[in-house]
Amino acid sequence: MPGHSPFNPVTKISFDLPQDSKVSLVVYDLLGREVSRLVNNEFKVAGKYTYDFNATSLSSGVYFYRLVVSLSNQSMPENFRRRREWYC
């Protein structure tokens, strides 16, 4: 792709929440070490979210993020509450 730089140290991470949820968004290096915590178990209302991951202070390489969404409906019994995790 013309003008695309594979070494761009800034990227956007976007996700949609179908309902109000607690969210954690953490970035890791290839060795599994946490390098950035963009969201720390925060309550978010349903909607679209975008966060910037700025790796200018990190060495170039491959990084992964983990998105954990805890869907909680207080009217549901505890054993029906759900937690979802994504690794990208």
C-alpha atoms as a PDB file:
ATOM      1  CA  MET A   1       0.000   0.000   0.000  1.00  0.00           C
ATOM      2  CA  PRO A   2       1.647   3.311  -1.042  1.00  0.00           C
ATOM      3  CA  GLY A   3       2.536   5.514   1.889  1.00  0.00           C
ATOM      4  CA  HIS A   4       1.883   2.758   4.434  1.00  0.00           C
ATOM      5  CA  SER A   5       4.601   2.419   7.047  1.00  0.00           C
ATOM      6  CA  PRO A   6       4.788  -0.949   8.800  1.00  0.00           C
ATOM      7  CA  PHE A   7       6.818   0.769  11.535  1.00  0.00           C
ATOM      8  CA  ASN A   8       4.172   3.316  12.510  1.00  0.00           C
ATOM      9  CA  PRO A   9       4.367   3.463  16.325  1.00  0.00           C
ATOM     10  CA  VAL A  10       0.768   4.690  16.779  1.00  0.00           C
ATOM     11  CA  THR A  11      -2.335   2.628  16.071  1.00  0.00           C
ATOM     12  CA  LYS A  12      -6.006   2.760  16.972  1.00  0.00           C
ATOM     13  CA  ILE A  13      -7.865  -0.077  18.721  1.00  0.00           C
ATOM     14  CA  SER A  14     -11.642   0.065  18.253  1.00  0.00           C
ATOM     15  CA  PHE A  15     -14.498  -2.030  19.587  1.00  0.00           C
ATOM     16  CA  ASP A  16     -18.260  -1.875  20.046  1.00  0.00           C
ATOM     17  CA  LEU A  17     -20.081  -2.693  23.273  1.00  0.00           C
ATOM     18  CA  PRO A  18     -23.602  -4.051  22.749  1.00  0.00           C
ATOM     19  CA  GLN A  19     -24.511  -3.227  26.363  1.00  0.00           C
ATOM     20  CA  ASP A  20     -23.081  -1.512  29.426  1.00  0.00           C
ATOM     21  CA  SER A  21     -20.023  -3.460  30.577  1.00  0.00           C
ATOM     22  CA  LYS A  22     -16.808  -3.435  32.555  1.00  0.00           C
ATOM     23  CA  VAL A  23     -13.843  -3.321  30.194  1.00  0.00           C
ATOM     24  CA  SER A  24     -10.096  -3.953  30.351  1.00  0.00           C
ATOM     25  CA  LEU A  25      -7.798  -3.355  27.376  1.00  0.00           C
ATOM     26  CA  VAL A  26      -4.152  -4.334  27.836  1.00  0.00           C
ATOM     27  CA  VAL A  27      -1.265  -4.492  25.325  1.00  0.00           C
ATOM     28  CA  TYR A  28       1.481  -7.138  25.596  1.00  0.00           C
ATOM     29  CA  ASP A  29       4.787  -7.807  23.872  1.00  0.00           C
ATOM     30  CA  LEU A  30       5.702 -11.162  22.313  1.00  0.00           C
ATOM     31  CA  LEU A  31       7.012 -12.446  25.648  1.00  0.00           C
ATOM     32  CA  GLY A  32       3.651 -11.776  27.301  1.00  0.00           C
ATOM     33  CA  ARG A  33       4.846  -8.788  29.304  1.00  0.00           C
ATOM     34  CA  GLU A  34       2.318  -6.016  29.803  1.00  0.00           C
ATOM     35  CA  VAL A  35       3.487  -2.862  28.024  1.00  0.00           C
ATOM     36  CA  SER A  36       0.379  -0.667  28.235  1.00  0.00           C
ATOM     37  CA  ARG A  37      -2.946  -0.719  30.075  1.00  0.00           C
ATOM     38  CA  LEU A  38      -5.341   1.413  28.020  1.00  0.00           C
ATOM     39  CA  VAL A  39      -8.475   0.588  30.049  1.00  0.00           C
ATOM     40  CA  ASN A  40      -8.381  -0.836  33.576  1.00  0.00           C
ATOM     41  CA  ASN A  41     -11.619  -2.659  34.478  1.00  0.00           C
ATOM     42  CA  GLU A  42     -13.677   0.494  33.854  1.00  0.00           C
ATOM     43  CA  PHE A  43     -17.450   0.664  33.487  1.00  0.00           C
ATOM     44  CA  LYS A  44     -18.411   1.757  29.948  1.00  0.00           C
ATOM     45  CA  VAL A  45     -21.868   2.391  28.542  1.00  0.00           C
ATOM     46  CA  ALA A  46     -22.927   0.642  25.331  1.00  0.00           C
ATOM     47  CA  GLY A  47     -21.384   2.206  22.242  1.00  0.00           C
ATOM     48  CA  LYS A  48     -18.294   2.443  20.038  1.00  0.00           C
ATOM     49  CA  TYR A  49     -14.879   3.079  21.568  1.00  0.00           C
ATOM     50  CA  THR A  50     -11.488   3.862  20.061  1.00  0.00           C
ATOM     51  CA  TYR A  51      -8.202   4.056  21.954  1.00  0.00           C
ATOM     52  CA  ASP A  52      -4.781   5.103  20.696  1.00  0.00           C
ATOM     53  CA  PHE A  53      -1.874   2.782  21.404  1.00  0.00           C
ATOM     54  CA  ASN A  54       1.321   4.818  21.194  1.00  0.00           C
ATOM     55  CA  ALA A  55       4.442   2.662  21.066  1.00  0.00           C
ATOM     56  CA  THR A  56       6.985   5.420  20.411  1.00  0.00           C
ATOM     57  CA  SER A  57       8.790   4.575  23.658  1.00  0.00           C
ATOM     58  CA  LEU A  58       8.853   0.839  22.820  1.00  0.00           C
ATOM     59  CA  SER A  59      11.187  -1.074  20.522  1.00  0.00           C
ATOM     60  CA  SER A  60       9.775  -1.979  17.129  1.00  0.00           C
ATOM     61  CA  GLY A  61       8.151  -5.382  17.065  1.00  0.00           C
ATOM     62  CA  VAL A  62       4.876  -7.227  17.310  1.00  0.00           C
ATOM     63  CA  TYR A  63       2.408  -6.417  20.086  1.00  0.00           C
ATOM     64  CA  PHE A  64      -0.883  -8.057  21.047  1.00  0.00           C
ATOM     65  CA  TYR A  65      -3.845  -6.709  22.896  1.00  0.00           C
ATOM     66  CA  ARG A  66      -6.314  -8.407  25.197  1.00  0.00           C
ATOM     67  CA  LEU A  67      -9.832  -7.033  25.443  1.00  0.00           C
ATOM     68  CA  VAL A  68     -11.865  -8.336  28.392  1.00  0.00           C
ATOM     69  CA  VAL A  69     -15.541  -7.398  28.521  1.00  0.00           C
ATOM     70  CA  SER A  70     -17.633  -8.402  31.525  1.00  0.00           C
ATOM     71  CA  LEU A  71     -21.301  -8.204  30.604  1.00  0.00           C
ATOM     72  CA  SER A  72     -23.372  -7.851  33.729  1.00  0.00           C
ATOM     73  CA  ASN A  73     -27.108  -7.646  33.919  1.00  0.00           C
ATOM     74  CA  GLN A  74     -28.119  -7.248  37.548  1.00  0.00           C
ATOM     75  CA  SER A  75     -31.486  -8.904  36.879  1.00  0.00           C
ATOM     76  CA  MET A  76     -29.747 -12.108  35.762  1.00  0.00           C
ATOM     77  CA  PRO A  77     -28.599 -14.750  38.261  1.00  0.00           C
ATOM     78  CA  GLU A  78     -24.838 -14.720  38.931  1.00  0.00           C
ATOM     79  CA  ASN A  79     -24.214 -17.951  36.979  1.00  0.00           C
ATOM     80  CA  PHE A  80     -25.680 -16.326  33.836  1.00  0.00           C
ATOM     81  CA  ARG A  81     -23.450 -13.269  33.872  1.00  0.00           C
ATOM     82  CA  ARG A  82     -20.903 -13.429  31.100  1.00  0.00           C
ATOM     83  CA  ARG A  83     -17.274 -12.541  30.557  1.00  0.00           C
ATOM     84  CA  ARG A  84     -15.718 -12.374  27.108  1.00  0.00           C
ATOM     85  CA  GLU A  85     -12.053 -12.123  26.183  1.00  0.00           C
ATOM     86  CA  TRP A  86     -10.453 -11.334  22.833  1.00  0.00           C
ATOM     87  CA  TYR A  87      -6.792 -11.630  21.915  1.00  0.00           C
ATOM     88  CA  CYS A  88      -5.541  -9.822  18.849  1.00  0.00           C
END
